[in-house]
Amino acid sequence: MTAENDPVSPWWSASRHADSRPFLLARNAIGKAVRAWFDEQGFTEVETAILQVSPGNETHLHAPRTELAGPDGTRVTRYLRTSPEFACKKLLAAGEPKIFEFARVFRDRERGTLHLPEFTMLEWYRAEATYGAVMADCVVIIAHAAQATGIGQFSFRGRIADPFAEPELLTVAAAFERFAGIDLLATIRDGEGDRARLADAAKQKIRISDDDTWSDIFSKVLVEHIEPNLGQGRLTVLFEYPVPEAALARAKASDPRVAERFEIYACGVELANGFGELTDAPEQRRRFTQAMDEKQRRYGERYPLDEDFLDAVGQMPAASGVALGFDRLVMLASGALKIDQVVWTPPAGDA
């Protein structure tokens, strides 16, 4: 039994730390390589605030909260961010053209081989650039990570992917057709998902509950039938998400059924999520309000809207951006088996 698997040894024991140290040194090497690439490309590294008025307004994201006391004793609620996205977009509105951040972010209700409640997200934005530009950035950065460690291929749970090979480009609609036999775009009308139609198409593929929404059914098919087939042998860029799943992405001008959103996978592991950014503040408010209504229905809570952020959305230039899970990238590029091995200290209270 290695120290890593010894339930008696705390993470800070010398033997257990020695087991993880090669992965941690790989983390440092990858960080240096990535920062050097951003510097070569003329990006500015930023450091934005962790405490926010709103941690993000997506239905299934949950954030720790705290209270701040002013000098007069007045107390206000603040949240630990789930992403630096709101702050970074305010900087785009302020005139920054190309920015990146290694951001500490926080998620409640998340823990596992690929999930930590506190982790590092690498996020970057390009003003006046298409989302194809940040897709290409992702591919280059993933290759730089592999070069930094000297690894020849990524491997995870029996799957392999060559980080240097030309990536597979696959639309979400094509993936649903190929792996689930579902005509996804036929279930979208006037920007909304047709729940009954998708349920009928997916009923032989997944278990559907009476209270499942269109998005629930979409997510179940994605997780059970699509994601396990992505990033096999090489990276997969999954793009053109259906517009009900647009989040903070703009709709595609040539096909309003889909949005300029993409994700990148290696060995079935999601590494990055990017957008051609929405700059329509009223539409962003509508989406956030709808998502918070659904959060209230499901979880009995809602997060406030960040009015400064919504003002900034309306003043942003056309831009594209992406969030990449840095710890996951280090895990694959270092050959670690789980995400805990690539963080210098695990979450407080972990053994």
Protein backbone atom coordinates (compact mmCIF):
# COMPACT_ATOMS: atom_id res chain seq x y z
CA MET A 1 0.00 0.00 0.00
CA THR A 2 1.41 3.40 -0.97
CA ALA A 3 1.24 6.39 1.32
CA GLU A 4 -1.26 7.95 -1.07
CA ASN A 5 -3.73 5.12 -0.40
CA ASP A 6 -2.99 4.83 3.30
CA PRO A 7 -6.09 6.14 5.11
CA VAL A 8 -4.00 6.74 8.26
CA SER A 9 -1.45 9.11 6.72
CA PRO A 10 -2.54 12.76 6.51
CA TRP A 11 -1.90 14.51 3.20
CA TRP A 12 0.95 16.50 4.76
CA SER A 13 2.90 13.43 5.87
CA ALA A 14 6.36 13.30 4.25
CA SER A 15 5.73 9.98 2.52
CA ARG A 16 2.36 10.98 1.09
CA HIS A 17 3.64 14.35 -0.06
CA ALA A 18 6.58 12.65 -1.75
CA ASP A 19 4.16 10.55 -3.81
CA SER A 20 2.39 13.67 -5.08
CA ARG A 21 5.42 15.91 -5.54
CA PRO A 22 6.19 14.91 -9.18
CA PHE A 23 2.65 15.91 -10.15
CA LEU A 24 2.96 19.20 -8.27
CA LEU A 25 6.24 20.04 -9.99
CA ALA A 26 4.53 19.27 -13.30
CA ARG A 27 1.84 21.77 -12.30
CA ASN A 28 4.47 24.47 -11.85
CA ALA A 29 6.11 23.65 -15.18
CA ILE A 30 2.78 23.82 -17.01
CA GLY A 31 1.90 27.11 -15.34
CA LYS A 32 5.20 28.64 -16.46
CA ALA A 33 4.77 27.39 -20.02
CA VAL A 34 1.21 28.70 -20.27
CA ARG A 35 2.12 32.10 -18.83
CA ALA A 36 5.01 32.36 -21.29
CA TRP A 37 2.64 31.64 -24.19
CA PHE A 38 0.16 34.29 -23.08
CA ASP A 39 3.02 36.78 -22.74
CA GLU A 40 4.19 35.99 -26.27
CA GLN A 41 0.65 36.60 -27.53
CA GLY A 42 0.44 40.03 -25.88
CA PHE A 43 -2.08 39.17 -23.15
CA THR A 44 -2.20 40.98 -19.82
CA GLU A 45 -2.48 38.86 -16.69
CA VAL A 46 -5.16 40.15 -14.32
CA GLU A 47 -6.18 39.32 -10.77
CA THR A 48 -9.84 39.94 -10.03
CA ALA A 49 -11.80 39.91 -6.78
CA ILE A 50 -12.99 36.63 -5.29
CA LEU A 51 -15.87 38.11 -3.29
CA GLN A 52 -18.72 39.08 -5.57
CA VAL A 53 -22.27 40.46 -5.41
CA SER A 54 -23.34 37.46 -7.48
CA PRO A 55 -21.32 34.24 -7.95
CA GLY A 56 -22.91 33.49 -11.33
CA ASN A 57 -26.47 32.89 -12.44
CA GLU A 58 -26.62 29.35 -13.77
CA THR A 59 -29.26 26.98 -12.44
CA HIS A 60 -27.02 24.18 -11.22
CA LEU A 61 -24.01 26.17 -9.98
CA HIS A 62 -23.80 26.59 -6.21
CA ALA A 63 -21.48 28.94 -4.35
CA PRO A 64 -20.34 29.42 -0.76
CA ARG A 65 -21.55 32.67 0.78
CA THR A 66 -20.36 34.93 3.55
CA GLU A 67 -21.22 38.21 5.22
CA LEU A 68 -19.10 41.34 5.31
CA ALA A 69 -19.46 43.85 8.14
CA GLY A 70 -18.86 47.53 7.46
CA PRO A 71 -17.30 49.96 9.96
CA ASP A 72 -20.81 50.86 11.16
CA GLY A 73 -21.73 47.22 11.66
CA THR A 74 -23.91 47.01 8.56
CA ARG A 75 -23.76 43.51 7.10
CA VAL A 76 -24.02 42.54 3.45
CA THR A 77 -24.05 39.16 1.75
CA ARG A 78 -21.25 38.31 -0.62
CA TYR A 79 -20.45 35.13 -2.55
CA LEU A 80 -17.25 33.33 -3.42
CA ARG A 81 -17.11 33.38 -7.21
CA THR A 82 -17.72 30.30 -9.31
CA SER A 83 -15.78 31.96 -12.14
CA PRO A 84 -13.93 35.25 -12.75
CA GLU A 85 -16.16 35.81 -15.79
CA PHE A 86 -18.19 38.76 -14.50
CA ALA A 87 -15.11 40.69 -13.40
CA CYS A 88 -13.16 39.92 -16.57
CA LYS A 89 -16.00 41.14 -18.78
CA LYS A 90 -16.12 44.37 -16.82
CA LEU A 91 -12.45 44.78 -17.71
CA LEU A 92 -13.29 44.19 -21.39
CA ALA A 93 -15.91 46.93 -21.13
CA ALA A 94 -13.26 49.17 -19.53
CA GLY A 95 -11.02 48.74 -22.57
CA GLU A 96 -8.71 45.79 -21.88
CA PRO A 97 -8.24 43.97 -25.22
CA LYS A 98 -6.63 40.63 -24.24
CA ILE A 99 -6.62 39.33 -20.67
CA PHE A 100 -6.10 36.08 -18.78
CA GLU A 101 -6.33 34.95 -15.17
CA PHE A 102 -5.36 31.92 -13.11
CA ALA A 103 -8.38 32.25 -10.83
CA ARG A 104 -9.24 30.47 -7.61
CA VAL A 105 -12.93 29.59 -7.84
CA PHE A 106 -15.40 27.82 -5.58
CA ARG A 107 -18.28 25.40 -6.04
CA ASP A 108 -20.61 23.94 -3.45
CA ARG A 109 -21.99 20.42 -3.98
CA GLU A 110 -18.95 19.31 -6.00
CA ARG A 111 -16.39 16.69 -4.93
CA GLY A 112 -14.93 13.66 -6.71
CA THR A 113 -12.15 12.32 -8.92
CA LEU A 114 -12.59 15.29 -11.27
CA HIS A 115 -14.16 17.83 -8.92
CA LEU A 116 -12.94 20.00 -6.06
CA PRO A 117 -14.90 22.58 -4.08
CA GLU A 118 -11.98 24.99 -4.56
CA PHE A 119 -9.91 24.86 -7.74
CA THR A 120 -8.01 26.85 -10.34
CA MET A 121 -9.69 28.04 -13.48
CA LEU A 122 -7.63 29.47 -16.32
CA GLU A 123 -9.82 31.99 -18.09
CA TRP A 124 -9.00 34.33 -20.96
CA TYR A 125 -10.70 36.77 -23.32
CA ARG A 126 -9.98 38.34 -26.70
CA ALA A 127 -11.80 41.50 -27.73
CA GLU A 128 -12.79 41.72 -31.41
CA ALA A 129 -12.10 38.02 -31.96
CA THR A 130 -14.26 35.11 -33.07
CA TYR A 131 -14.81 32.12 -30.83
CA GLY A 132 -12.80 30.12 -33.33
CA ALA A 133 -9.78 32.10 -32.13
CA VAL A 134 -10.15 30.98 -28.51
CA MET A 135 -10.86 27.42 -29.68
CA ALA A 136 -7.48 27.52 -31.39
CA ASP A 137 -5.91 28.98 -28.23
CA CYS A 138 -7.19 26.01 -26.23
CA VAL A 139 -5.66 23.48 -28.58
CA VAL A 140 -2.28 25.25 -28.43
CA ILE A 141 -2.34 25.58 -24.64
CA ILE A 142 -3.18 21.90 -24.17
CA ALA A 143 -0.25 20.98 -26.41
CA HIS A 144 2.04 23.33 -24.45
CA ALA A 145 1.01 21.58 -21.23
CA ALA A 146 1.95 18.22 -22.73
CA GLN A 147 5.26 19.61 -23.97
CA ALA A 148 6.04 21.00 -20.52
CA THR A 149 5.80 17.54 -18.94
CA GLY A 150 7.09 15.53 -21.88
CA ILE A 151 4.06 13.28 -21.89
CA GLY A 152 3.34 11.61 -25.22
CA GLN A 153 -0.36 11.01 -24.75
CA PHE A 154 -3.10 11.65 -22.22
CA SER A 155 -4.61 8.63 -20.50
CA PHE A 156 -7.59 8.42 -18.15
CA ARG A 157 -9.82 5.48 -17.19
CA GLY A 158 -8.66 3.36 -20.10
CA ARG A 159 -9.04 6.11 -22.69
CA ILE A 160 -6.19 7.82 -24.50
CA ALA A 161 -5.83 11.04 -26.49
CA ASP A 162 -2.93 12.52 -28.42
CA PRO A 163 -2.68 16.20 -27.37
CA PHE A 164 -0.62 17.03 -30.47
CA ALA A 165 -2.97 15.55 -33.08
CA GLU A 166 -5.36 17.64 -35.13
CA PRO A 167 -8.54 17.84 -32.99
CA GLU A 168 -11.88 16.44 -34.00
CA LEU A 169 -14.45 19.17 -34.72
CA LEU A 170 -17.97 18.00 -33.94
CA THR A 171 -21.21 19.95 -33.63
CA VAL A 172 -23.52 19.05 -30.76
CA ALA A 173 -26.26 18.17 -33.27
CA ALA A 174 -23.93 15.80 -35.12
CA ALA A 175 -22.85 14.20 -31.84
CA PHE A 176 -26.47 13.57 -30.80
CA GLU A 177 -27.20 12.03 -34.18
CA ARG A 178 -24.07 9.87 -34.18
CA PHE A 179 -24.08 8.60 -30.61
CA ALA A 180 -27.76 8.74 -29.64
CA GLY A 181 -29.69 8.73 -32.92
CA ILE A 182 -31.49 11.96 -31.97
CA ASP A 183 -32.28 14.88 -34.28
CA LEU A 184 -31.59 17.53 -31.65
CA LEU A 185 -32.29 20.63 -33.70
CA ALA A 186 -35.76 19.34 -34.54
CA THR A 187 -36.58 19.79 -30.84
CA ILE A 188 -35.85 23.54 -30.83
CA ARG A 189 -38.46 26.13 -31.82
CA ASP A 190 -38.32 29.91 -31.47
CA GLY A 191 -35.26 29.69 -29.23
CA GLU A 192 -36.89 27.25 -26.81
CA GLY A 193 -36.59 23.50 -26.36
CA ASP A 194 -39.61 21.36 -27.17
CA ARG A 195 -39.63 19.11 -24.12
CA ALA A 196 -42.21 16.62 -25.41
CA ARG A 197 -40.39 16.12 -28.69
CA LEU A 198 -37.00 15.57 -27.09
CA ALA A 199 -38.49 13.24 -24.49
CA ASP A 200 -40.03 11.12 -27.23
CA ALA A 201 -36.73 10.98 -29.13
CA ALA A 202 -34.72 10.09 -26.03
CA LYS A 203 -37.08 7.74 -24.17
CA GLN A 204 -35.28 4.61 -25.34
CA LYS A 205 -31.89 6.05 -24.40
CA ILE A 206 -32.27 7.42 -20.88
CA ARG A 207 -34.58 7.35 -17.90
CA ILE A 208 -36.87 10.37 -18.00
CA SER A 209 -38.70 11.72 -14.95
CA ASP A 210 -42.01 13.55 -15.15
CA ASP A 211 -40.44 16.78 -13.90
CA ASP A 212 -37.42 16.66 -16.24
CA THR A 213 -37.17 19.79 -18.38
CA TRP A 214 -35.82 19.92 -21.92
CA SER A 215 -32.43 20.90 -20.45
CA ASP A 216 -32.51 17.96 -18.02
CA ILE A 217 -33.12 15.51 -20.85
CA PHE A 218 -30.43 17.16 -22.97
CA SER A 219 -27.93 16.88 -20.11
CA LYS A 220 -28.74 13.23 -19.41
CA VAL A 221 -28.17 12.26 -23.04
CA LEU A 222 -24.99 14.32 -23.15
CA VAL A 223 -23.53 12.73 -20.02
CA GLU A 224 -24.61 9.15 -20.69
CA HIS A 225 -24.20 8.83 -24.45
CA ILE A 226 -22.11 11.70 -25.83
CA GLU A 227 -19.32 12.63 -23.42
CA PRO A 228 -17.90 9.10 -23.01
CA ASN A 229 -17.21 9.08 -26.77
CA LEU A 230 -15.43 12.43 -26.90
CA GLY A 231 -11.70 13.02 -26.90
CA GLN A 232 -10.90 9.47 -27.97
CA GLY A 233 -7.50 9.23 -29.65
CA ARG A 234 -7.36 13.02 -30.01
CA LEU A 235 -9.04 16.11 -28.62
CA THR A 236 -12.67 16.78 -29.51
CA VAL A 237 -14.01 20.31 -29.92
CA LEU A 238 -17.77 20.05 -29.38
CA PHE A 239 -19.40 23.23 -30.70
CA GLU A 240 -22.65 24.93 -31.68
CA TYR A 241 -24.58 24.17 -28.51
CA PRO A 242 -28.36 24.43 -28.82
CA VAL A 243 -29.53 27.93 -27.94
CA PRO A 244 -31.43 26.84 -24.79
CA GLU A 245 -27.96 25.90 -23.47
CA ALA A 246 -26.30 29.13 -24.62
CA ALA A 247 -25.59 30.44 -21.08
CA LEU A 248 -23.57 33.63 -21.78
CA ALA A 249 -22.95 32.94 -25.48
CA ARG A 250 -24.53 34.73 -28.42
CA ALA A 251 -26.74 32.93 -30.91
CA LYS A 252 -25.14 32.05 -34.23
CA ALA A 253 -26.17 34.63 -36.84
CA SER A 254 -26.64 32.05 -39.61
CA ASP A 255 -28.63 29.59 -37.46
CA PRO A 256 -30.43 30.99 -34.38
CA ARG A 257 -31.15 27.45 -33.16
CA VAL A 258 -27.54 27.18 -31.96
CA ALA A 259 -25.16 29.35 -29.97
CA GLU A 260 -21.48 30.20 -30.31
CA ARG A 261 -20.54 27.92 -27.44
CA PHE A 262 -17.98 25.12 -27.41
CA GLU A 263 -16.39 22.63 -25.04
CA ILE A 264 -13.13 20.69 -25.42
CA TYR A 265 -12.70 17.08 -24.31
CA ALA A 266 -9.78 14.71 -23.87
CA CYS A 267 -10.28 11.07 -22.78
CA GLY A 268 -13.94 11.82 -22.09
CA VAL A 269 -12.95 14.62 -19.67
CA GLU A 270 -14.30 18.12 -20.24
CA LEU A 271 -11.38 20.56 -20.14
CA ALA A 272 -12.77 23.88 -21.38
CA ASN A 273 -16.00 25.78 -22.00
CA GLY A 274 -15.97 28.85 -24.23
CA PHE A 275 -18.25 31.41 -25.83
CA GLY A 276 -18.60 33.95 -28.55
CA GLU A 277 -19.73 36.42 -25.89
CA LEU A 278 -23.25 37.80 -25.67
CA THR A 279 -23.30 41.62 -25.66
CA ASP A 280 -27.09 42.03 -25.50
CA ALA A 281 -27.77 43.10 -21.91
CA PRO A 282 -31.59 42.68 -21.99
CA GLU A 283 -31.21 39.15 -23.40
CA GLN A 284 -28.61 38.31 -20.75
CA ARG A 285 -30.96 39.59 -18.04
CA ARG A 286 -33.78 37.44 -19.45
CA ARG A 287 -31.60 34.32 -19.41
CA PHE A 288 -30.35 34.98 -15.88
CA THR A 289 -33.85 35.61 -14.57
CA GLN A 290 -35.12 32.42 -16.17
CA ALA A 291 -32.22 30.45 -14.68
CA MET A 292 -32.77 31.90 -11.21
CA ASP A 293 -36.48 31.10 -11.40
CA GLU A 294 -35.54 27.50 -12.13
CA LYS A 295 -32.96 27.48 -9.29
CA GLN A 296 -35.65 28.73 -6.92
CA ARG A 297 -38.00 25.97 -8.07
CA ARG A 298 -35.40 23.23 -7.69
CA TYR A 299 -33.25 24.31 -4.77
CA GLY A 300 -35.27 26.95 -2.96
CA GLU A 301 -32.68 29.68 -3.47
CA ARG A 302 -31.63 32.27 -6.03
CA TYR A 303 -28.62 34.50 -6.45
CA PRO A 304 -28.92 38.23 -7.08
CA LEU A 305 -28.15 39.73 -10.47
CA ASP A 306 -24.98 41.80 -10.68
CA GLU A 307 -26.33 45.03 -12.16
CA ASP A 308 -22.83 46.37 -12.82
CA PHE A 309 -22.11 43.26 -14.85
CA LEU A 310 -25.29 43.64 -16.88
CA ASP A 311 -24.35 47.27 -17.58
CA ALA A 312 -20.91 46.09 -18.68
CA VAL A 313 -22.39 43.47 -21.04
CA GLY A 314 -24.10 46.27 -22.96
CA GLN A 315 -20.82 48.18 -23.26
CA MET A 316 -18.49 45.30 -24.08
CA PRO A 317 -16.89 45.08 -27.49
CA ALA A 318 -17.51 41.96 -29.54
CA ALA A 319 -15.36 39.36 -27.81
CA SER A 320 -14.75 35.70 -27.20
CA GLY A 321 -13.57 33.92 -24.07
CA VAL A 322 -13.02 30.54 -22.49
CA ALA A 323 -12.63 28.90 -19.08
CA LEU A 324 -10.25 25.94 -18.82
CA GLY A 325 -10.02 23.67 -15.78
CA PHE A 326 -6.34 24.01 -15.00
CA ASP A 327 -6.23 21.21 -12.42
CA ARG A 328 -7.82 18.77 -14.88
CA LEU A 329 -5.31 19.75 -17.55
CA VAL A 330 -2.44 19.18 -15.12
CA MET A 331 -3.92 15.83 -14.14
CA LEU A 332 -3.94 14.61 -17.75
CA ALA A 333 -0.58 16.15 -18.68
CA SER A 334 1.19 14.75 -15.59
CA GLY A 335 -0.34 11.26 -15.66
CA ALA A 336 -2.06 11.67 -12.28
CA LEU A 337 -5.04 9.44 -11.56
CA LYS A 338 -7.20 11.95 -9.72
CA ILE A 339 -7.40 15.67 -9.27
CA ASP A 340 -6.33 15.61 -5.60
CA GLN A 341 -2.81 14.63 -6.66
CA VAL A 342 -2.19 17.88 -8.56
CA VAL A 343 -3.13 20.46 -5.91
CA TRP A 344 -0.55 21.53 -3.34
CA THR A 345 -3.06 21.32 -0.49
CA PRO A 346 -6.44 19.57 -0.65
CA PRO A 347 -9.68 21.20 0.52
CA ALA A 348 -9.77 21.96 4.24
CA GLY A 349 -10.89 18.96 6.25
CA ASP A 350 -9.82 16.36 3.67
CA ALA A 351 -7.65 13.54 4.97
